[in-house]
Amino acid sequence: MVHSYLLLLVFLSFISSSPSMAQINSGDYETLLTVKKAWGSPSALSSWTSKNSSYCSWAGVSCNNGRVTKLSFPNSNITNPIPAFICSLKNLSYLDIPTTTSPTSSRRCSMAARL
């Protein structure tokens, strides 16, 4: 009986530590929805919706432990400037968007050198 409980405890701790079970970071989630709006809701971001809170599975978004680390849209129709509030994605270390998008506001980010 004790063995069964111990096995269940080990199994539950394994599941809770799984990257796919990472908690949603409401700040990253809200920032991404605001970025979508600032970029004019392009078709490349159609999966970015408040009805789907699993933002780590959204097109062009990569995460590590539930935090956004990469945004990649190399062949998209995004032409609006990069909004300054994208800097609130504290773990963002890679940004790949069309060269027609102005990077001016992103230069204020502490991670801008990596973009």
N, C-alpha and C. Protein backbone atom coordinates (compact mmCIF):
# COMPACT_ATOMS: atom_id res chain seq x y z
N MET A 1 0.83 -1.19 0.00
CA MET A 1 0.00 0.00 0.00
C MET A 1 0.87 1.26 0.00
N VAL A 2 1.88 1.30 0.87
CA VAL A 2 2.79 2.44 0.94
C VAL A 2 3.54 2.57 -0.39
N HIS A 3 3.89 1.44 -0.97
CA HIS A 3 4.59 1.43 -2.25
C HIS A 3 3.74 2.11 -3.33
N SER A 4 2.45 1.85 -3.35
CA SER A 4 1.54 2.45 -4.34
C SER A 4 1.48 3.96 -4.18
N TYR A 5 1.41 4.43 -2.94
CA TYR A 5 1.37 5.87 -2.69
C TYR A 5 2.68 6.54 -3.10
N LEU A 6 3.78 5.89 -2.81
CA LEU A 6 5.09 6.41 -3.18
C LEU A 6 5.23 6.50 -4.70
N LEU A 7 4.78 5.47 -5.40
CA LEU A 7 4.82 5.46 -6.85
C LEU A 7 3.94 6.58 -7.43
N LEU A 8 2.77 6.77 -6.86
CA LEU A 8 1.87 7.85 -7.30
C LEU A 8 2.52 9.21 -7.06
N LEU A 9 3.16 9.39 -5.93
CA LEU A 9 3.82 10.66 -5.61
C LEU A 9 4.95 10.95 -6.60
N VAL A 10 5.74 9.95 -6.94
CA VAL A 10 6.83 10.12 -7.90
C VAL A 10 6.25 10.47 -9.27
N PHE A 11 5.20 9.78 -9.68
CA PHE A 11 4.56 10.05 -10.97
C PHE A 11 4.01 11.47 -11.03
N LEU A 12 3.33 11.91 -10.00
CA LEU A 12 2.77 13.27 -9.97
C LEU A 12 3.85 14.34 -9.98
N SER A 13 4.94 14.11 -9.29
CA SER A 13 6.02 15.09 -9.30
C SER A 13 6.68 15.16 -10.68
N PHE A 14 6.75 14.05 -11.38
CA PHE A 14 7.30 14.04 -12.73
C PHE A 14 6.42 14.83 -13.68
N ILE A 15 5.12 14.63 -13.60
CA ILE A 15 4.18 15.34 -14.46
C ILE A 15 4.22 16.84 -14.19
N SER A 16 4.25 17.24 -12.94
CA SER A 16 4.22 18.66 -12.62
C SER A 16 5.50 19.38 -13.01
N SER A 17 6.60 18.65 -13.16
CA SER A 17 7.85 19.28 -13.57
C SER A 17 8.05 19.27 -15.08
N SER A 18 7.13 18.67 -15.79
CA SER A 18 7.22 18.58 -17.24
C SER A 18 7.07 19.95 -17.87
N PRO A 19 7.92 20.31 -18.89
CA PRO A 19 7.81 21.61 -19.54
C PRO A 19 6.44 21.87 -20.14
N SER A 20 5.75 20.83 -20.61
CA SER A 20 4.44 21.04 -21.21
C SER A 20 3.40 21.44 -20.17
N MET A 21 3.70 21.23 -18.92
CA MET A 21 2.78 21.58 -17.86
C MET A 21 3.15 22.91 -17.21
N ALA A 22 4.06 23.64 -17.81
CA ALA A 22 4.50 24.91 -17.25
C ALA A 22 3.32 25.86 -17.11
N GLN A 23 3.35 26.64 -16.06
CA GLN A 23 2.27 27.58 -15.82
C GLN A 23 2.32 28.72 -16.83
N ILE A 24 1.16 29.24 -17.11
CA ILE A 24 1.06 30.39 -18.01
C ILE A 24 1.54 31.62 -17.28
N ASN A 25 2.38 32.40 -17.94
CA ASN A 25 2.81 33.67 -17.39
C ASN A 25 1.86 34.72 -17.95
N SER A 26 1.01 35.25 -17.10
CA SER A 26 -0.03 36.18 -17.58
C SER A 26 0.58 37.43 -18.21
N GLY A 27 1.75 37.84 -17.76
CA GLY A 27 2.41 39.01 -18.35
C GLY A 27 2.81 38.76 -19.79
N ASP A 28 3.42 37.61 -20.06
CA ASP A 28 3.82 37.26 -21.43
C ASP A 28 2.59 37.10 -22.31
N TYR A 29 1.57 36.45 -21.79
CA TYR A 29 0.33 36.23 -22.52
C TYR A 29 -0.30 37.56 -22.94
N GLU A 30 -0.46 38.47 -22.00
CA GLU A 30 -1.06 39.78 -22.28
C GLU A 30 -0.19 40.59 -23.24
N THR A 31 1.13 40.53 -23.07
CA THR A 31 2.04 41.26 -23.95
C THR A 31 1.91 40.77 -25.38
N LEU A 32 1.86 39.46 -25.57
CA LEU A 32 1.72 38.91 -26.92
C LEU A 32 0.41 39.36 -27.59
N LEU A 33 -0.67 39.36 -26.84
CA LEU A 33 -1.94 39.82 -27.40
C LEU A 33 -1.88 41.30 -27.76
N THR A 34 -1.16 42.08 -26.96
CA THR A 34 -1.01 43.51 -27.24
C THR A 34 -0.10 43.74 -28.45
N VAL A 35 0.94 42.92 -28.58
CA VAL A 35 1.82 42.99 -29.75
C VAL A 35 1.02 42.69 -31.01
N LYS A 36 0.19 41.68 -30.95
CA LYS A 36 -0.64 41.32 -32.11
C LYS A 36 -1.49 42.52 -32.54
N LYS A 37 -2.10 43.16 -31.57
CA LYS A 37 -2.94 44.32 -31.86
C LYS A 37 -2.12 45.46 -32.46
N ALA A 38 -0.93 45.71 -31.89
CA ALA A 38 -0.06 46.79 -32.38
C ALA A 38 0.43 46.51 -33.79
N TRP A 39 0.58 45.25 -34.14
CA TRP A 39 1.00 44.88 -35.49
C TRP A 39 -0.17 44.77 -36.46
N GLY A 40 -1.36 45.17 -36.02
CA GLY A 40 -2.52 45.19 -36.91
C GLY A 40 -3.16 43.83 -37.12
N SER A 41 -2.96 42.91 -36.19
CA SER A 41 -3.53 41.55 -36.26
C SER A 41 -3.30 40.88 -37.61
N PRO A 42 -2.03 40.75 -38.03
CA PRO A 42 -1.75 40.13 -39.33
C PRO A 42 -2.13 38.65 -39.34
N SER A 43 -2.34 38.12 -40.52
CA SER A 43 -2.75 36.72 -40.66
C SER A 43 -1.71 35.75 -40.07
N ALA A 44 -0.45 36.13 -40.05
CA ALA A 44 0.60 35.28 -39.48
C ALA A 44 0.36 35.01 -37.99
N LEU A 45 -0.41 35.88 -37.35
CA LEU A 45 -0.68 35.74 -35.92
C LEU A 45 -2.10 35.28 -35.64
N SER A 46 -2.72 34.62 -36.59
CA SER A 46 -4.12 34.21 -36.42
C SER A 46 -4.32 33.22 -35.26
N SER A 47 -3.28 32.47 -34.90
CA SER A 47 -3.41 31.53 -33.78
C SER A 47 -3.29 32.24 -32.43
N TRP A 48 -2.88 33.50 -32.44
CA TRP A 48 -2.74 34.28 -31.21
C TRP A 48 -4.12 34.81 -30.83
N THR A 49 -4.81 34.11 -29.99
CA THR A 49 -6.16 34.50 -29.62
C THR A 49 -6.40 34.30 -28.13
N SER A 50 -7.26 35.13 -27.57
CA SER A 50 -7.58 35.00 -26.14
C SER A 50 -8.34 33.72 -25.86
N LYS A 51 -8.86 33.07 -26.89
CA LYS A 51 -9.56 31.80 -26.72
C LYS A 51 -8.57 30.65 -26.58
N ASN A 52 -7.30 30.90 -26.89
CA ASN A 52 -6.25 29.89 -26.78
C ASN A 52 -5.14 30.46 -25.90
N SER A 53 -5.19 30.15 -24.62
CA SER A 53 -4.22 30.72 -23.69
C SER A 53 -2.88 29.98 -23.69
N SER A 54 -2.75 28.94 -24.49
CA SER A 54 -1.49 28.19 -24.59
C SER A 54 -0.56 28.90 -25.57
N TYR A 55 -0.11 30.08 -25.18
CA TYR A 55 0.67 30.93 -26.10
C TYR A 55 1.98 30.29 -26.53
N CYS A 56 2.51 29.36 -25.79
CA CYS A 56 3.75 28.70 -26.21
C CYS A 56 3.54 27.82 -27.43
N SER A 57 2.29 27.53 -27.78
CA SER A 57 1.99 26.75 -28.98
C SER A 57 1.55 27.64 -30.13
N TRP A 58 1.52 28.95 -29.93
CA TRP A 58 1.12 29.87 -30.98
C TRP A 58 2.19 29.91 -32.07
N ALA A 59 1.78 30.19 -33.29
CA ALA A 59 2.70 30.27 -34.42
C ALA A 59 3.79 31.32 -34.15
N GLY A 60 5.03 30.91 -34.37
CA GLY A 60 6.16 31.82 -34.23
C GLY A 60 6.66 32.05 -32.82
N VAL A 61 6.04 31.44 -31.83
CA VAL A 61 6.41 31.65 -30.43
C VAL A 61 7.13 30.42 -29.90
N SER A 62 8.27 30.63 -29.26
CA SER A 62 8.99 29.56 -28.57
C SER A 62 9.14 29.96 -27.11
N CYS A 63 9.03 28.98 -26.23
CA CYS A 63 9.10 29.25 -24.79
C CYS A 63 10.07 28.30 -24.10
N ASN A 64 10.46 28.72 -22.92
CA ASN A 64 11.23 27.89 -22.02
C ASN A 64 10.63 28.08 -20.64
N ASN A 65 10.13 27.00 -20.05
CA ASN A 65 9.47 27.06 -18.75
C ASN A 65 8.33 28.08 -18.71
N GLY A 66 7.56 28.14 -19.79
CA GLY A 66 6.39 29.01 -19.83
C GLY A 66 6.68 30.47 -20.11
N ARG A 67 7.93 30.81 -20.39
CA ARG A 67 8.29 32.20 -20.69
C ARG A 67 8.72 32.31 -22.15
N VAL A 68 8.27 33.36 -22.82
CA VAL A 68 8.60 33.56 -24.23
C VAL A 68 10.08 33.86 -24.38
N THR A 69 10.75 33.08 -25.23
CA THR A 69 12.18 33.27 -25.47
C THR A 69 12.48 33.64 -26.92
N LYS A 70 11.52 33.35 -27.82
CA LYS A 70 11.78 33.57 -29.24
C LYS A 70 10.49 33.91 -29.96
N LEU A 71 10.56 34.91 -30.83
CA LEU A 71 9.47 35.24 -31.75
C LEU A 71 10.07 35.20 -33.15
N SER A 72 9.50 34.40 -34.03
CA SER A 72 10.08 34.23 -35.36
C SER A 72 8.99 34.25 -36.43
N PHE A 73 9.08 35.27 -37.30
CA PHE A 73 8.13 35.44 -38.41
C PHE A 73 8.89 35.92 -39.64
N PRO A 74 9.87 35.18 -40.12
CA PRO A 74 10.73 35.66 -41.21
C PRO A 74 10.01 35.93 -42.52
N ASN A 75 8.93 35.22 -42.80
CA ASN A 75 8.23 35.38 -44.08
C ASN A 75 6.81 35.90 -43.90
N SER A 76 6.60 36.70 -42.87
CA SER A 76 5.25 37.18 -42.58
C SER A 76 4.99 38.53 -43.22
N ASN A 77 3.78 38.99 -43.07
CA ASN A 77 3.38 40.29 -43.61
C ASN A 77 3.36 41.37 -42.52
N ILE A 78 4.20 41.24 -41.51
CA ILE A 78 4.27 42.22 -40.43
C ILE A 78 5.10 43.40 -40.90
N THR A 79 4.48 44.58 -40.92
CA THR A 79 5.19 45.78 -41.38
C THR A 79 5.16 46.91 -40.36
N ASN A 80 4.30 46.81 -39.35
CA ASN A 80 4.25 47.86 -38.32
C ASN A 80 5.51 47.81 -37.47
N PRO A 81 5.87 48.94 -36.84
CA PRO A 81 7.07 48.97 -36.00
C PRO A 81 6.99 48.01 -34.82
N ILE A 82 8.14 47.65 -34.32
CA ILE A 82 8.21 46.83 -33.11
C ILE A 82 7.83 47.72 -31.94
N PRO A 83 6.77 47.38 -31.20
CA PRO A 83 6.35 48.23 -30.09
C PRO A 83 7.34 48.15 -28.92
N ALA A 84 7.51 49.27 -28.24
CA ALA A 84 8.45 49.32 -27.11
C ALA A 84 8.08 48.33 -26.01
N PHE A 85 6.79 48.08 -25.82
CA PHE A 85 6.38 47.19 -24.74
C PHE A 85 6.74 45.73 -24.99
N ILE A 86 7.28 45.42 -26.15
CA ILE A 86 7.76 44.05 -26.39
C ILE A 86 8.90 43.73 -25.41
N CYS A 87 9.52 44.78 -24.89
CA CYS A 87 10.60 44.62 -23.91
C CYS A 87 10.12 44.00 -22.60
N SER A 88 8.81 43.99 -22.38
CA SER A 88 8.31 43.37 -21.15
C SER A 88 8.35 41.84 -21.22
N LEU A 89 8.68 41.30 -22.38
CA LEU A 89 8.93 39.86 -22.50
C LEU A 89 10.36 39.65 -22.02
N LYS A 90 10.53 39.53 -20.74
CA LYS A 90 11.85 39.54 -20.08
C LYS A 90 12.79 38.44 -20.55
N ASN A 91 12.27 37.33 -21.01
CA ASN A 91 13.13 36.22 -21.45
C ASN A 91 13.31 36.17 -22.96
N LEU A 92 12.77 37.15 -23.67
CA LEU A 92 12.90 37.18 -25.13
C LEU A 92 14.38 37.42 -25.49
N SER A 93 14.94 36.49 -26.23
CA SER A 93 16.34 36.62 -26.61
C SER A 93 16.53 36.54 -28.12
N TYR A 94 15.45 36.29 -28.85
CA TYR A 94 15.55 36.15 -30.30
C TYR A 94 14.29 36.71 -30.94
N LEU A 95 14.46 37.59 -31.90
CA LEU A 95 13.34 38.18 -32.62
C LEU A 95 13.66 38.19 -34.10
N ASP A 96 12.86 37.49 -34.87
CA ASP A 96 13.08 37.38 -36.31
C ASP A 96 11.80 37.81 -37.02
N ILE A 97 11.82 39.02 -37.57
CA ILE A 97 10.68 39.56 -38.29
C ILE A 97 11.20 40.22 -39.57
N PRO A 98 10.30 40.53 -40.51
CA PRO A 98 10.75 41.12 -41.78
C PRO A 98 11.59 42.38 -41.58
N THR A 99 12.52 42.60 -42.49
CA THR A 99 13.40 43.76 -42.39
C THR A 99 12.67 45.07 -42.64
N THR A 100 11.43 45.01 -43.14
CA THR A 100 10.66 46.24 -43.35
C THR A 100 10.10 46.78 -42.03
N THR A 101 10.19 45.99 -40.97
CA THR A 101 9.70 46.41 -39.67
C THR A 101 10.77 47.22 -38.97
N SER A 102 10.39 48.39 -38.51
CA SER A 102 11.34 49.29 -37.85
C SER A 102 11.74 48.78 -36.48
N PRO A 103 13.05 48.60 -36.22
CA PRO A 103 13.50 48.14 -34.91
C PRO A 103 13.76 49.26 -33.91
N THR A 104 13.46 50.50 -34.28
CA THR A 104 13.82 51.66 -33.46
C THR A 104 13.42 51.51 -32.00
N SER A 105 12.16 51.19 -31.74
CA SER A 105 11.71 51.16 -30.36
C SER A 105 12.30 50.00 -29.58
N SER A 106 12.71 48.94 -30.24
CA SER A 106 13.26 47.79 -29.52
C SER A 106 14.68 48.05 -29.02
N ARG A 107 15.32 49.07 -29.50
CA ARG A 107 16.69 49.35 -29.07
C ARG A 107 16.76 49.72 -27.61
N ARG A 108 15.65 50.09 -27.02
CA ARG A 108 15.62 50.42 -25.59
C ARG A 108 15.63 49.18 -24.71
N CYS A 109 15.39 48.02 -25.27
CA CYS A 109 15.38 46.78 -24.49
C CYS A 109 16.80 46.44 -24.05
N SER A 110 16.91 45.86 -22.89
CA SER A 110 18.22 45.42 -22.43
C SER A 110 18.73 44.26 -23.27
N MET A 111 17.83 43.53 -23.91
CA MET A 111 18.23 42.40 -24.73
C MET A 111 18.35 42.78 -26.19
N ALA A 112 18.25 44.04 -26.54
CA ALA A 112 18.21 44.47 -27.93
C ALA A 112 19.46 44.05 -28.71
N ALA A 113 20.58 43.93 -28.05
CA ALA A 113 21.80 43.55 -28.75
C ALA A 113 21.71 42.13 -29.31
N ARG A 114 20.85 41.32 -28.74
CA ARG A 114 20.69 39.94 -29.19
C ARG A 114 19.67 39.80 -30.29
N LEU A 115 18.95 40.87 -30.60
CA LEU A 115 17.88 40.78 -31.60
C LEU A 115 18.45 40.87 -33.00
